[in-house]
């Protein structure tokens, strides 16, 4: 059985994802095999007092990269954008800053 920490891998910290947090939308990298229901339950278990309104997921294709004559690509990954309800407690990603 998967734990919530196996489903939610890490937050995506970019300029656009930080601006979306003002609208109670948070972005996480999730397990590629996880579905929306599992993601919703995992977020509500990890962050106490949080109620998830909706979950949007998208698969991000890895970029092709070169290192000298060797060619490869970055790994594919899955991103989830979590929208919280209006009366929900906010998620604090950086405590003490």
C-alpha atoms as a PDB file:
ATOM      1  CA  UNK A   1       0.000   0.000   0.000  1.00  0.00           C
ATOM      2  CA  UNK A   2       1.258   3.457  -0.900  1.00  0.00           C
ATOM      3  CA  UNK A   3       1.704   6.105   1.768  1.00  0.00           C
ATOM      4  CA  UNK A   4       0.817   9.766   1.089  1.00  0.00           C
ATOM      5  CA  UNK A   5       4.543  10.521   0.924  1.00  0.00           C
ATOM      6  CA  UNK A   6       4.921   7.985  -1.913  1.00  0.00           C
ATOM      7  CA  UNK A   7       2.268   9.846  -3.930  1.00  0.00           C
ATOM      8  CA  UNK A   8       3.279  13.487  -3.263  1.00  0.00           C
ATOM      9  CA  UNK A   9       6.980  13.648  -4.097  1.00  0.00           C
ATOM     10  CA  UNK A  10       7.888  17.348  -3.816  1.00  0.00           C
ATOM     11  CA  UNK A  11       6.461  20.840  -4.341  1.00  0.00           C
ATOM     12  CA  UNK A  12       7.214  22.590  -7.614  1.00  0.00           C
ATOM     13  CA  UNK A  13       8.803  25.912  -6.668  1.00  0.00           C
ATOM     14  CA  UNK A  14       8.750  28.300  -9.614  1.00  0.00           C
ATOM     15  CA  UNK A  15       7.797  31.923  -9.998  1.00  0.00           C
ATOM     16  CA  UNK A  16       4.439  31.098 -11.562  1.00  0.00           C
ATOM     17  CA  UNK A  17       3.578  28.425  -8.985  1.00  0.00           C
ATOM     18  CA  UNK A  18       4.342  30.839  -6.145  1.00  0.00           C
ATOM     19  CA  UNK A  19       2.014  33.460  -7.688  1.00  0.00           C
ATOM     20  CA  UNK A  20      -0.738  30.837  -7.965  1.00  0.00           C
ATOM     21  CA  UNK A  21      -0.478  30.151  -4.226  1.00  0.00           C
ATOM     22  CA  UNK A  22      -2.194  33.507  -3.595  1.00  0.00           C
ATOM     23  CA  UNK A  23      -5.296  31.981  -5.243  1.00  0.00           C
ATOM     24  CA  UNK A  24      -4.969  28.826  -3.077  1.00  0.00           C
ATOM     25  CA  UNK A  25      -3.530  26.781  -5.954  1.00  0.00           C
ATOM     26  CA  UNK A  26      -0.449  24.680  -5.203  1.00  0.00           C
ATOM     27  CA  UNK A  27       1.715  22.648  -7.564  1.00  0.00           C
ATOM     28  CA  UNK A  28       3.324  19.316  -6.668  1.00  0.00           C
ATOM     29  CA  UNK A  29       5.321  16.649  -8.459  1.00  0.00           C
ATOM     30  CA  UNK A  30       3.448  13.393  -7.958  1.00  0.00           C
ATOM     31  CA  UNK A  31       3.905   9.698  -8.700  1.00  0.00           C
ATOM     32  CA  UNK A  32       3.152   9.099 -12.412  1.00  0.00           C
ATOM     33  CA  UNK A  33       0.847   6.168 -11.529  1.00  0.00           C
ATOM     34  CA  UNK A  34      -1.259   8.175  -9.039  1.00  0.00           C
ATOM     35  CA  UNK A  35      -4.786   9.230  -9.945  1.00  0.00           C
ATOM     36  CA  UNK A  36      -6.679  12.354  -8.876  1.00  0.00           C
ATOM     37  CA  UNK A  37      -8.501  10.666  -5.992  1.00  0.00           C
ATOM     38  CA  UNK A  38      -5.261   9.336  -4.494  1.00  0.00           C
ATOM     39  CA  UNK A  39      -3.616  12.758  -4.862  1.00  0.00           C
ATOM     40  CA  UNK A  40      -6.540  14.482  -3.132  1.00  0.00           C
ATOM     41  CA  UNK A  41      -6.494  12.070  -0.177  1.00  0.00           C
ATOM     42  CA  UNK A  42      -2.698  12.314   0.137  1.00  0.00           C
ATOM     43  CA  UNK A  43      -2.719  16.132   0.284  1.00  0.00           C
ATOM     44  CA  UNK A  44      -5.481  16.139   2.905  1.00  0.00           C
ATOM     45  CA  UNK A  45      -3.518  13.636   5.044  1.00  0.00           C
ATOM     46  CA  UNK A  46      -0.127  15.350   4.775  1.00  0.00           C
ATOM     47  CA  UNK A  47      -1.386  18.893   5.442  1.00  0.00           C
ATOM     48  CA  UNK A  48      -3.763  19.027   8.410  1.00  0.00           C
ATOM     49  CA  UNK A  49      -6.873  21.213   8.078  1.00  0.00           C
ATOM     50  CA  UNK A  50      -6.693  21.402   4.269  1.00  0.00           C
ATOM     51  CA  UNK A  51      -9.753  20.679   2.096  1.00  0.00           C
ATOM     52  CA  UNK A  52      -9.085  20.060  -1.599  1.00  0.00           C
ATOM     53  CA  UNK A  53     -11.623  21.433  -4.070  1.00  0.00           C
ATOM     54  CA  UNK A  54     -10.134  20.093  -7.317  1.00  0.00           C
ATOM     55  CA  UNK A  55      -7.055  18.356  -8.715  1.00  0.00           C
ATOM     56  CA  UNK A  56      -5.697  18.993 -12.214  1.00  0.00           C
ATOM     57  CA  UNK A  57      -2.942  16.699 -13.468  1.00  0.00           C
ATOM     58  CA  UNK A  58      -0.644  16.803 -16.475  1.00  0.00           C
ATOM     59  CA  UNK A  59       2.194  14.656 -17.735  1.00  0.00           C
ATOM     60  CA  UNK A  60       5.372  16.636 -18.430  1.00  0.00           C
ATOM     61  CA  UNK A  61       7.566  15.223 -21.169  1.00  0.00           C
ATOM     62  CA  UNK A  62      11.321  15.242 -20.465  1.00  0.00           C
ATOM     63  CA  UNK A  63      13.470  17.563 -22.567  1.00  0.00           C
ATOM     64  CA  UNK A  64      16.162  16.170 -24.865  1.00  0.00           C
ATOM     65  CA  UNK A  65      19.659  17.007 -23.568  1.00  0.00           C
ATOM     66  CA  UNK A  66      23.241  16.581 -24.789  1.00  0.00           C
ATOM     67  CA  UNK A  67      26.500  16.223 -22.916  1.00  0.00           C
ATOM     68  CA  UNK A  68      29.175  16.505 -25.579  1.00  0.00           C
ATOM     69  CA  UNK A  69      28.561  13.763 -28.129  1.00  0.00           C
ATOM     70  CA  UNK A  70      26.209  11.815 -25.866  1.00  0.00           C
ATOM     71  CA  UNK A  71      22.495  12.378 -26.302  1.00  0.00           C
ATOM     72  CA  UNK A  72      19.759  11.606 -23.829  1.00  0.00           C
ATOM     73  CA  UNK A  73      16.711  13.151 -22.253  1.00  0.00           C
ATOM     74  CA  UNK A  74      15.391  14.105 -18.853  1.00  0.00           C
ATOM     75  CA  UNK A  75      12.847  11.862 -17.208  1.00  0.00           C
ATOM     76  CA  UNK A  76       9.115  12.273 -17.805  1.00  0.00           C
ATOM     77  CA  UNK A  77       7.141  13.291 -14.701  1.00  0.00           C
ATOM     78  CA  UNK A  78       3.627  14.094 -13.549  1.00  0.00           C
ATOM     79  CA  UNK A  79       2.521  17.437 -12.161  1.00  0.00           C
ATOM     80  CA  UNK A  80      -0.609  18.075 -10.080  1.00  0.00           C
ATOM     81  CA  UNK A  81      -2.184  21.494  -9.470  1.00  0.00           C
ATOM     82  CA  UNK A  82      -4.241  21.405  -6.268  1.00  0.00           C
ATOM     83  CA  UNK A  83      -7.031  23.960  -5.727  1.00  0.00           C
ATOM     84  CA  UNK A  84      -8.205  24.399  -2.138  1.00  0.00           C
ATOM     85  CA  UNK A  85     -11.672  25.429  -0.972  1.00  0.00           C
ATOM     86  CA  UNK A  86     -12.287  29.010   0.138  1.00  0.00           C
ATOM     87  CA  UNK A  87     -12.624  28.170   3.850  1.00  0.00           C
ATOM     88  CA  UNK A  88      -9.626  25.808   3.821  1.00  0.00           C
ATOM     89  CA  UNK A  89      -6.418  26.417   5.728  1.00  0.00           C
ATOM     90  CA  UNK A  90      -3.477  27.442   3.500  1.00  0.00           C
ATOM     91  CA  UNK A  91      -0.443  25.232   2.877  1.00  0.00           C
ATOM     92  CA  UNK A  92       2.818  26.677   4.214  1.00  0.00           C
ATOM     93  CA  UNK A  93       5.698  25.412   2.099  1.00  0.00           C
ATOM     94  CA  UNK A  94       8.398  27.575   3.675  1.00  0.00           C
ATOM     95  CA  UNK A  95       7.962  27.928   7.414  1.00  0.00           C
ATOM     96  CA  UNK A  96      10.118  30.416   9.265  1.00  0.00           C
ATOM     97  CA  UNK A  97      11.098  32.592   6.289  1.00  0.00           C
END
